[in-house]
Amino acid sequence: MLATALVAVAGLLALAGTASAWAPASSAAVHPGVMTFTAGAQCTANFIFSDGANTYIGQAAHCSGTGGSTETNGCDSGSLPVGTQVEVDGASKPGTMVYNSWITMQQQGETNADTCQYNDLALVKLDPADAANTNPSVPYWGGPTGLGGTTAQGEKVYSYGNSSLRGGVATLSPKTGLSLGTDSGGWNHTVYTVTPGIPGDSGSGFLDKSGRAFGVLSTVAIAPLPASNGVGDLANELSYLHSHTSFGGVQLVNGTEAFNGGKLPIGG
């Protein structure tokens, strides 16, 4: 009984983002914002997730899509299968895509239009050796401080990631912007950032004004503002994962570094 209790406590501490469970933020090779490559298609990782036994890094489900860039409806768009290998920057071995919301929705026969359009999350399981060299903190900003929800119009938001198409200009990695509000039945946040999303930024994580992880970059839109970002709601995406798969224990991992709004740059 004591051993079981200790294992449970250890799992909870890991999910909370204790410093002892993760590599230091300043030197971790794998962290939110690194690039991922699925059959050559590049995306940006959002957050770190764990079930206490395994470590996962998140990317957008459409990163493994097999159709064109206009195929964004997860209920009728093609995808590479679960089990596909994914290259993760900083990792010594490819990770394995073990969950893809598009595939799950098609298996479940999902018909809700908003869910089909904005449920855009995949999990890539990291090799244990790479998990040991991972930190869940968002570089520059710190956090996440927990799981977010709706965002108000005009609320300041934060993101991190730099597509290789920008030529590696590090100053473009941290991004700030404003939410235009939550819509589509709570499944989408329309977000405008000074540096708009471009190909390769897909999958980037977004933090709200309190450092909570509220979304995953899904689309670059032309309305209501040019180059505004469609950000899928992470709380709904995780709820769908928990309700429709065997990954009920997978949770967002909080950062080991406090959210600071960029006042004290953190990590990569």
C-alpha atoms as a PDB file:
ATOM      1  CA  MET A   1       0.000   0.000   0.000  1.00  0.00           C
ATOM      2  CA  LEU A   2       2.801   2.419   0.879  1.00  0.00           C
ATOM      3  CA  ALA A   3       4.595   1.700  -2.393  1.00  0.00           C
ATOM      4  CA  THR A   4       1.384   2.319  -4.338  1.00  0.00           C
ATOM      5  CA  ALA A   5       0.848   5.609  -2.520  1.00  0.00           C
ATOM      6  CA  LEU A   6       4.388   6.748  -3.249  1.00  0.00           C
ATOM      7  CA  VAL A   7       3.976   5.968  -6.956  1.00  0.00           C
ATOM      8  CA  ALA A   8       0.741   7.982  -7.036  1.00  0.00           C
ATOM      9  CA  VAL A   9       2.381  10.945  -5.314  1.00  0.00           C
ATOM     10  CA  ALA A  10       5.330  10.788  -7.698  1.00  0.00           C
ATOM     11  CA  GLY A  11       2.936  10.871 -10.657  1.00  0.00           C
ATOM     12  CA  LEU A  12       1.116  13.912  -9.302  1.00  0.00           C
ATOM     13  CA  LEU A  13       4.381  15.744  -8.702  1.00  0.00           C
ATOM     14  CA  ALA A  14       5.493  15.050 -12.247  1.00  0.00           C
ATOM     15  CA  LEU A  15       2.253  16.411 -13.678  1.00  0.00           C
ATOM     16  CA  ALA A  16       2.643  19.516 -11.519  1.00  0.00           C
ATOM     17  CA  GLY A  17       6.027  20.172 -13.098  1.00  0.00           C
ATOM     18  CA  THR A  18       8.375  19.729 -10.143  1.00  0.00           C
ATOM     19  CA  ALA A  19      11.974  20.687 -10.895  1.00  0.00           C
ATOM     20  CA  SER A  20      13.273  17.276  -9.785  1.00  0.00           C
ATOM     21  CA  ALA A  21      11.200  15.467 -12.421  1.00  0.00           C
ATOM     22  CA  TRP A  22      12.477  17.393 -15.430  1.00  0.00           C
ATOM     23  CA  ALA A  23      15.696  18.557 -17.017  1.00  0.00           C
ATOM     24  CA  PRO A  24      16.594  22.187 -16.197  1.00  0.00           C
ATOM     25  CA  ALA A  25      14.712  24.681 -18.345  1.00  0.00           C
ATOM     26  CA  SER A  26      17.960  26.401 -19.272  1.00  0.00           C
ATOM     27  CA  SER A  27      19.497  23.273 -20.834  1.00  0.00           C
ATOM     28  CA  ALA A  28      16.635  20.915 -21.791  1.00  0.00           C
ATOM     29  CA  ALA A  29      16.895  19.853 -25.426  1.00  0.00           C
ATOM     30  CA  VAL A  30      13.154  19.174 -25.769  1.00  0.00           C
ATOM     31  CA  HIS A  31      10.554  21.719 -24.684  1.00  0.00           C
ATOM     32  CA  PRO A  32       7.454  23.543 -25.940  1.00  0.00           C
ATOM     33  CA  GLY A  33       8.155  25.396 -29.167  1.00  0.00           C
ATOM     34  CA  VAL A  34      10.613  22.952 -30.764  1.00  0.00           C
ATOM     35  CA  MET A  35      10.034  21.941 -34.366  1.00  0.00           C
ATOM     36  CA  THR A  36       8.514  18.568 -35.261  1.00  0.00           C
ATOM     37  CA  PHE A  37       8.689  16.824 -38.640  1.00  0.00           C
ATOM     38  CA  THR A  38       6.116  14.256 -39.741  1.00  0.00           C
ATOM     39  CA  ALA A  39       6.949  12.662 -43.103  1.00  0.00           C
ATOM     40  CA  GLY A  40       8.797  15.871 -43.904  1.00  0.00           C
ATOM     41  CA  ALA A  41       5.979  18.238 -42.884  1.00  0.00           C
ATOM     42  CA  GLN A  42       7.193  20.710 -40.277  1.00  0.00           C
ATOM     43  CA  CYS A  43       5.160  21.958 -37.337  1.00  0.00           C
ATOM     44  CA  THR A  44       5.761  23.470 -33.904  1.00  0.00           C
ATOM     45  CA  ALA A  45       5.255  21.565 -30.660  1.00  0.00           C
ATOM     46  CA  ASN A  46       2.855  23.126 -28.164  1.00  0.00           C
ATOM     47  CA  PHE A  47       3.062  21.658 -24.646  1.00  0.00           C
ATOM     48  CA  ILE A  48       4.320  18.650 -22.688  1.00  0.00           C
ATOM     49  CA  PHE A  49       1.839  16.038 -21.451  1.00  0.00           C
ATOM     50  CA  SER A  50       2.190  13.035 -19.148  1.00  0.00           C
ATOM     51  CA  ASP A  51       0.208  10.149 -17.715  1.00  0.00           C
ATOM     52  CA  GLY A  52       2.749   9.574 -14.957  1.00  0.00           C
ATOM     53  CA  ALA A  53       4.473   6.766 -16.851  1.00  0.00           C
ATOM     54  CA  ASN A  54       5.046   8.267 -20.292  1.00  0.00           C
ATOM     55  CA  THR A  55       5.928  11.713 -21.610  1.00  0.00           C
ATOM     56  CA  TYR A  56       4.287  13.172 -24.693  1.00  0.00           C
ATOM     57  CA  ILE A  57       4.833  16.318 -26.719  1.00  0.00           C
ATOM     58  CA  GLY A  58       1.857  17.861 -28.461  1.00  0.00           C
ATOM     59  CA  GLN A  59       1.504  18.929 -32.068  1.00  0.00           C
ATOM     60  CA  ALA A  60      -1.469  19.752 -34.306  1.00  0.00           C
ATOM     61  CA  ALA A  61      -3.335  16.753 -35.729  1.00  0.00           C
ATOM     62  CA  HIS A  62      -3.167  18.249 -39.202  1.00  0.00           C
ATOM     63  CA  CYS A  63       0.651  18.021 -39.095  1.00  0.00           C
ATOM     64  CA  SER A  64       0.198  14.422 -40.249  1.00  0.00           C
ATOM     65  CA  GLY A  65      -2.487  15.287 -42.791  1.00  0.00           C
ATOM     66  CA  THR A  66      -2.175  13.718 -46.229  1.00  0.00           C
ATOM     67  CA  GLY A  67      -4.335  16.215 -48.130  1.00  0.00           C
ATOM     68  CA  GLY A  68      -3.739  19.775 -49.270  1.00  0.00           C
ATOM     69  CA  SER A  69      -3.515  22.889 -47.106  1.00  0.00           C
ATOM     70  CA  THR A  70      -7.217  23.585 -47.630  1.00  0.00           C
ATOM     71  CA  GLU A  71      -8.232  20.284 -46.045  1.00  0.00           C
ATOM     72  CA  THR A  72      -8.763  21.428 -42.461  1.00  0.00           C
ATOM     73  CA  ASN A  73     -11.892  19.520 -41.439  1.00  0.00           C
ATOM     74  CA  GLY A  74     -10.715  16.689 -39.237  1.00  0.00           C
ATOM     75  CA  CYS A  75     -13.788  14.564 -39.865  1.00  0.00           C
ATOM     76  CA  ASP A  76     -13.157  14.084 -43.564  1.00  0.00           C
ATOM     77  CA  SER A  77      -9.444  14.825 -44.123  1.00  0.00           C
ATOM     78  CA  GLY A  78      -6.830  12.129 -44.580  1.00  0.00           C
ATOM     79  CA  SER A  79      -4.041  11.490 -42.079  1.00  0.00           C
ATOM     80  CA  LEU A  80      -1.024   9.281 -41.643  1.00  0.00           C
ATOM     81  CA  PRO A  81      -1.815   6.459 -39.193  1.00  0.00           C
ATOM     82  CA  VAL A  82      -1.243   6.251 -35.478  1.00  0.00           C
ATOM     83  CA  GLY A  83       2.240   4.780 -35.003  1.00  0.00           C
ATOM     84  CA  THR A  84       3.825   7.176 -37.492  1.00  0.00           C
ATOM     85  CA  GLN A  85       7.332   8.263 -36.498  1.00  0.00           C
ATOM     86  CA  VAL A  86       7.836  11.971 -35.789  1.00  0.00           C
ATOM     87  CA  GLU A  87      11.203  13.715 -35.675  1.00  0.00           C
ATOM     88  CA  VAL A  88      11.423  16.108 -32.715  1.00  0.00           C
ATOM     89  CA  ASP A  89      14.142  18.755 -32.618  1.00  0.00           C
ATOM     90  CA  GLY A  90      16.469  18.064 -29.700  1.00  0.00           C
ATOM     91  CA  ALA A  91      15.437  14.414 -29.370  1.00  0.00           C
ATOM     92  CA  SER A  92      17.945  11.648 -30.041  1.00  0.00           C
ATOM     93  CA  LYS A  93      15.288   9.279 -31.422  1.00  0.00           C
ATOM     94  CA  PRO A  94      12.036   9.815 -33.331  1.00  0.00           C
ATOM     95  CA  GLY A  95       8.912   9.969 -31.244  1.00  0.00           C
ATOM     96  CA  THR A  96       5.753   8.000 -32.061  1.00  0.00           C
ATOM     97  CA  MET A  97       2.387   9.592 -32.808  1.00  0.00           C
ATOM     98  CA  VAL A  98       0.074   7.703 -30.463  1.00  0.00           C
ATOM     99  CA  TYR A  99      -3.023   9.920 -30.680  1.00  0.00           C
ATOM    100  CA  ASN A 100      -4.512  12.022 -33.454  1.00  0.00           C
ATOM    101  CA  SER A 101      -7.852  13.785 -32.975  1.00  0.00           C
ATOM    102  CA  TRP A 102      -8.676  13.603 -36.694  1.00  0.00           C
ATOM    103  CA  ILE A 103      -8.331   9.826 -36.745  1.00  0.00           C
ATOM    104  CA  THR A 104     -10.306   9.464 -33.515  1.00  0.00           C
ATOM    105  CA  MET A 105     -13.158  11.670 -34.753  1.00  0.00           C
ATOM    106  CA  GLN A 106     -13.437   9.633 -37.955  1.00  0.00           C
ATOM    107  CA  GLN A 107     -13.459   6.394 -35.964  1.00  0.00           C
ATOM    108  CA  GLN A 108     -16.175   7.805 -33.679  1.00  0.00           C
ATOM    109  CA  GLY A 109     -18.292   9.136 -36.537  1.00  0.00           C
ATOM    110  CA  GLU A 110     -18.164  12.664 -35.131  1.00  0.00           C
ATOM    111  CA  THR A 111     -20.717  15.026 -36.736  1.00  0.00           C
ATOM    112  CA  ASN A 112     -20.516  18.254 -34.711  1.00  0.00           C
ATOM    113  CA  ALA A 113     -19.290  20.865 -37.203  1.00  0.00           C
ATOM    114  CA  ASP A 114     -17.316  22.919 -34.690  1.00  0.00           C
ATOM    115  CA  THR A 115     -15.632  19.850 -33.217  1.00  0.00           C
ATOM    116  CA  CYS A 116     -14.733  18.586 -36.673  1.00  0.00           C
ATOM    117  CA  GLN A 117     -13.229  21.928 -37.674  1.00  0.00           C
ATOM    118  CA  TYR A 118     -11.265  22.834 -34.547  1.00  0.00           C
ATOM    119  CA  ASN A 119     -10.367  19.607 -32.701  1.00  0.00           C
ATOM    120  CA  ASP A 120      -6.747  19.573 -33.894  1.00  0.00           C
ATOM    121  CA  LEU A 121      -4.441  17.833 -31.408  1.00  0.00           C
ATOM    122  CA  ALA A 122      -1.947  14.980 -31.698  1.00  0.00           C
ATOM    123  CA  LEU A 123       0.326  13.453 -29.071  1.00  0.00           C
ATOM    124  CA  VAL A 124       3.827  12.208 -29.821  1.00  0.00           C
ATOM    125  CA  LYS A 125       5.268   9.774 -27.277  1.00  0.00           C
ATOM    126  CA  LEU A 126       8.917  10.526 -26.501  1.00  0.00           C
ATOM    127  CA  ASP A 127      11.582   7.893 -26.019  1.00  0.00           C
ATOM    128  CA  PRO A 128      12.402   7.591 -22.279  1.00  0.00           C
ATOM    129  CA  ALA A 129      15.942   8.894 -22.846  1.00  0.00           C
ATOM    130  CA  ASP A 130      14.558  11.999 -24.516  1.00  0.00           C
ATOM    131  CA  ALA A 131      11.860  12.402 -21.878  1.00  0.00           C
ATOM    132  CA  ALA A 132      14.679  12.706 -19.330  1.00  0.00           C
ATOM    133  CA  ASN A 133      16.066  15.639 -21.326  1.00  0.00           C
ATOM    134  CA  THR A 134      12.724  17.451 -21.512  1.00  0.00           C
ATOM    135  CA  ASN A 135      11.374  20.480 -19.664  1.00  0.00           C
ATOM    136  CA  PRO A 136       7.699  21.538 -19.846  1.00  0.00           C
ATOM    137  CA  SER A 137       8.310  25.279 -19.439  1.00  0.00           C
ATOM    138  CA  VAL A 138       7.542  27.583 -22.358  1.00  0.00           C
ATOM    139  CA  PRO A 139      10.805  29.343 -23.277  1.00  0.00           C
ATOM    140  CA  TYR A 140      10.923  33.101 -22.696  1.00  0.00           C
ATOM    141  CA  TRP A 141       7.485  33.293 -21.079  1.00  0.00           C
ATOM    142  CA  GLY A 142       7.553  30.541 -18.436  1.00  0.00           C
ATOM    143  CA  GLY A 143       4.470  28.532 -17.533  1.00  0.00           C
ATOM    144  CA  PRO A 144       2.110  27.012 -18.361  1.00  0.00           C
ATOM    145  CA  THR A 145       0.451  27.559 -14.991  1.00  0.00           C
ATOM    146  CA  GLY A 146      -2.446  25.237 -15.727  1.00  0.00           C
ATOM    147  CA  LEU A 147      -5.184  24.596 -18.273  1.00  0.00           C
ATOM    148  CA  GLY A 148      -7.062  27.642 -19.540  1.00  0.00           C
ATOM    149  CA  GLY A 149     -10.540  28.169 -20.942  1.00  0.00           C
ATOM    150  CA  THR A 150     -12.344  30.946 -22.767  1.00  0.00           C
ATOM    151  CA  THR A 151     -10.479  34.148 -23.632  1.00  0.00           C
ATOM    152  CA  ALA A 152     -12.080  37.573 -23.632  1.00  0.00           C
ATOM    153  CA  GLN A 153     -11.967  39.980 -26.543  1.00  0.00           C
ATOM    154  CA  GLY A 154      -8.886  42.161 -26.145  1.00  0.00           C
ATOM    155  CA  GLU A 155      -7.147  39.791 -23.700  1.00  0.00           C
ATOM    156  CA  LYS A 156      -3.376  39.630 -24.123  1.00  0.00           C
ATOM    157  CA  VAL A 157      -2.020  36.240 -25.167  1.00  0.00           C
ATOM    158  CA  TYR A 158       1.433  34.714 -25.545  1.00  0.00           C
ATOM    159  CA  SER A 159       3.014  32.108 -27.815  1.00  0.00           C
ATOM    160  CA  TYR A 160       6.451  30.748 -28.686  1.00  0.00           C
ATOM    161  CA  GLY A 161       7.879  29.088 -31.766  1.00  0.00           C
ATOM    162  CA  ASN A 162       9.851  29.941 -34.855  1.00  0.00           C
ATOM    163  CA  SER A 163       9.272  28.144 -38.120  1.00  0.00           C
ATOM    164  CA  SER A 164      12.489  27.421 -39.982  1.00  0.00           C
ATOM    165  CA  LEU A 165      10.949  29.399 -42.845  1.00  0.00           C
ATOM    166  CA  ARG A 166      11.819  32.528 -40.861  1.00  0.00           C
ATOM    167  CA  GLY A 167      15.491  31.656 -41.231  1.00  0.00           C
ATOM    168  CA  GLY A 168      16.167  31.048 -37.538  1.00  0.00           C
ATOM    169  CA  VAL A 169      15.721  34.649 -36.387  1.00  0.00           C
ATOM    170  CA  ALA A 170      15.523  34.027 -32.634  1.00  0.00           C
ATOM    171  CA  THR A 171      13.936  37.393 -31.840  1.00  0.00           C
ATOM    172  CA  LEU A 172      10.815  36.269 -33.726  1.00  0.00           C
ATOM    173  CA  SER A 173      10.296  33.194 -31.510  1.00  0.00           C
ATOM    174  CA  PRO A 174       8.331  34.807 -28.643  1.00  0.00           C
ATOM    175  CA  LYS A 175       5.045  36.325 -29.770  1.00  0.00           C
ATOM    176  CA  THR A 176       2.372  38.419 -28.089  1.00  0.00           C
ATOM    177  CA  GLY A 177      -1.062  39.224 -29.367  1.00  0.00           C
ATOM    178  CA  LEU A 178      -4.698  39.801 -28.551  1.00  0.00           C
ATOM    179  CA  SER A 179      -7.612  37.409 -28.448  1.00  0.00           C
ATOM    180  CA  LEU A 180     -10.636  38.425 -30.484  1.00  0.00           C
ATOM    181  CA  GLY A 181     -12.730  36.179 -28.261  1.00  0.00           C
ATOM    182  CA  THR A 182     -13.887  32.565 -28.088  1.00  0.00           C
ATOM    183  CA  ASP A 183     -16.351  31.308 -30.688  1.00  0.00           C
ATOM    184  CA  SER A 184     -17.650  28.189 -32.470  1.00  0.00           C
ATOM    185  CA  GLY A 185     -19.233  26.686 -29.391  1.00  0.00           C
ATOM    186  CA  GLY A 186     -16.075  27.250 -27.341  1.00  0.00           C
ATOM    187  CA  TRP A 187     -13.899  25.277 -29.743  1.00  0.00           C
ATOM    188  CA  ASN A 188     -12.014  28.200 -31.288  1.00  0.00           C
ATOM    189  CA  HIS A 189     -10.177  31.345 -30.210  1.00  0.00           C
ATOM    190  CA  THR A 190      -9.444  33.859 -32.951  1.00  0.00           C
ATOM    191  CA  VAL A 191      -6.105  35.437 -32.067  1.00  0.00           C
ATOM    192  CA  TYR A 192      -4.191  38.256 -33.731  1.00  0.00           C
ATOM    193  CA  THR A 193      -0.410  38.433 -33.244  1.00  0.00           C
ATOM    194  CA  VAL A 194       2.015  41.097 -34.434  1.00  0.00           C
ATOM    195  CA  THR A 195       4.069  38.342 -36.084  1.00  0.00           C
ATOM    196  CA  PRO A 196       1.354  36.299 -37.826  1.00  0.00           C
ATOM    197  CA  GLY A 197       1.479  32.540 -38.090  1.00  0.00           C
ATOM    198  CA  ILE A 198       3.126  31.066 -41.177  1.00  0.00           C
ATOM    199  CA  PRO A 199       3.565  27.459 -42.388  1.00  0.00           C
ATOM    200  CA  GLY A 200       5.601  25.610 -39.782  1.00  0.00           C
ATOM    201  CA  ASP A 201       4.030  27.508 -36.874  1.00  0.00           C
ATOM    202  CA  SER A 202       1.046  25.139 -36.862  1.00  0.00           C
ATOM    203  CA  GLY A 203       0.623  23.439 -33.518  1.00  0.00           C
ATOM    204  CA  SER A 204       2.168  26.257 -31.464  1.00  0.00           C
ATOM    205  CA  GLY A 205       0.781  26.583 -27.944  1.00  0.00           C
ATOM    206  CA  PHE A 206      -0.911  29.733 -26.652  1.00  0.00           C
ATOM    207  CA  LEU A 207      -0.964  31.058 -23.077  1.00  0.00           C
ATOM    208  CA  ASP A 208      -3.549  33.443 -21.652  1.00  0.00           C
ATOM    209  CA  LYS A 209      -2.869  36.535 -19.530  1.00  0.00           C
ATOM    210  CA  SER A 210      -2.320  34.325 -16.459  1.00  0.00           C
ATOM    211  CA  GLY A 211       0.026  31.892 -18.217  1.00  0.00           C
ATOM    212  CA  ARG A 212      -2.578  29.135 -18.597  1.00  0.00           C
ATOM    213  CA  ALA A 213      -2.416  26.953 -21.697  1.00  0.00           C
ATOM    214  CA  PHE A 214      -5.614  27.651 -23.596  1.00  0.00           C
ATOM    215  CA  GLY A 215      -4.996  26.693 -27.202  1.00  0.00           C
ATOM    216  CA  VAL A 216      -3.154  25.169 -30.133  1.00  0.00           C
ATOM    217  CA  LEU A 217      -2.556  27.054 -33.389  1.00  0.00           C
ATOM    218  CA  SER A 218      -4.655  25.347 -36.033  1.00  0.00           C
ATOM    219  CA  THR A 219      -5.192  27.737 -38.949  1.00  0.00           C
ATOM    220  CA  VAL A 220      -4.024  31.050 -40.384  1.00  0.00           C
ATOM    221  CA  ALA A 221      -7.185  32.877 -41.396  1.00  0.00           C
ATOM    222  CA  ILE A 222      -8.056  35.809 -43.653  1.00  0.00           C
ATOM    223  CA  ALA A 223     -10.884  37.096 -41.453  1.00  0.00           C
ATOM    224  CA  PRO A 224     -11.770  38.902 -39.246  1.00  0.00           C
ATOM    225  CA  LEU A 225      -8.243  40.303 -39.520  1.00  0.00           C
ATOM    226  CA  PRO A 226      -5.671  39.477 -42.193  1.00  0.00           C
ATOM    227  CA  ALA A 227      -3.305  36.745 -40.959  1.00  0.00           C
ATOM    228  CA  SER A 228      -5.299  36.205 -37.768  1.00  0.00           C
ATOM    229  CA  ASN A 229      -4.796  32.842 -36.120  1.00  0.00           C
ATOM    230  CA  GLY A 230      -7.389  30.144 -35.481  1.00  0.00           C
ATOM    231  CA  VAL A 231      -6.478  28.577 -32.133  1.00  0.00           C
ATOM    232  CA  GLY A 232      -8.229  25.350 -31.116  1.00  0.00           C
ATOM    233  CA  ASP A 233      -9.383  25.184 -27.492  1.00  0.00           C
ATOM    234  CA  LEU A 234      -7.024  22.890 -25.560  1.00  0.00           C
ATOM    235  CA  ALA A 235      -9.454  22.132 -22.724  1.00  0.00           C
ATOM    236  CA  ASN A 236     -12.024  20.819 -25.214  1.00  0.00           C
ATOM    237  CA  GLU A 237      -9.356  18.912 -27.127  1.00  0.00           C
ATOM    238  CA  LEU A 238      -8.157  17.166 -23.971  1.00  0.00           C
ATOM    239  CA  SER A 239     -11.732  16.439 -22.899  1.00  0.00           C
ATOM    240  CA  TYR A 240     -12.339  14.747 -26.248  1.00  0.00           C
ATOM    241  CA  LEU A 241      -9.140  12.733 -25.839  1.00  0.00           C
ATOM    242  CA  HIS A 242     -10.202  11.576 -22.381  1.00  0.00           C
ATOM    243  CA  SER A 243     -13.753  10.698 -23.444  1.00  0.00           C
ATOM    244  CA  HIS A 244     -12.977   8.762 -26.600  1.00  0.00           C
ATOM    245  CA  THR A 245      -9.660   6.967 -26.048  1.00  0.00           C
ATOM    246  CA  SER A 246      -7.711   4.958 -23.501  1.00  0.00           C
ATOM    247  CA  PHE A 247      -5.542   8.011 -22.727  1.00  0.00           C
ATOM    248  CA  GLY A 248      -7.756   9.157 -19.875  1.00  0.00           C
ATOM    249  CA  GLY A 249      -4.780   9.742 -17.595  1.00  0.00           C
ATOM    250  CA  VAL A 250      -2.928  12.107 -19.921  1.00  0.00           C
ATOM    251  CA  GLN A 251      -2.720  15.625 -18.521  1.00  0.00           C
ATOM    252  CA  LEU A 252      -0.996  18.893 -19.350  1.00  0.00           C
ATOM    253  CA  VAL A 253       2.275  19.336 -17.456  1.00  0.00           C
ATOM    254  CA  ASN A 254       2.799  22.706 -15.800  1.00  0.00           C
ATOM    255  CA  GLY A 255       6.063  24.522 -16.355  1.00  0.00           C
ATOM    256  CA  THR A 256       8.806  24.403 -13.757  1.00  0.00           C
ATOM    257  CA  GLU A 257       9.438  28.105 -14.363  1.00  0.00           C
ATOM    258  CA  ALA A 258       6.944  30.714 -13.179  1.00  0.00           C
ATOM    259  CA  PHE A 259       5.032  32.634 -15.814  1.00  0.00           C
ATOM    260  CA  ASN A 260       6.534  36.101 -16.073  1.00  0.00           C
ATOM    261  CA  GLY A 261       5.149  37.620 -19.253  1.00  0.00           C
ATOM    262  CA  GLY A 262       8.625  37.743 -20.749  1.00  0.00           C
ATOM    263  CA  LYS A 263      10.126  40.041 -18.139  1.00  0.00           C
ATOM    264  CA  LEU A 264      12.849  37.472 -17.451  1.00  0.00           C
ATOM    265  CA  PRO A 265      13.618  35.387 -20.582  1.00  0.00           C
ATOM    266  CA  ILE A 266      13.665  31.648 -19.869  1.00  0.00           C
ATOM    267  CA  GLY A 267      15.445  28.867 -21.715  1.00  0.00           C
ATOM    268  CA  GLY A 268      15.686  28.546 -25.515  1.00  0.00           C
END
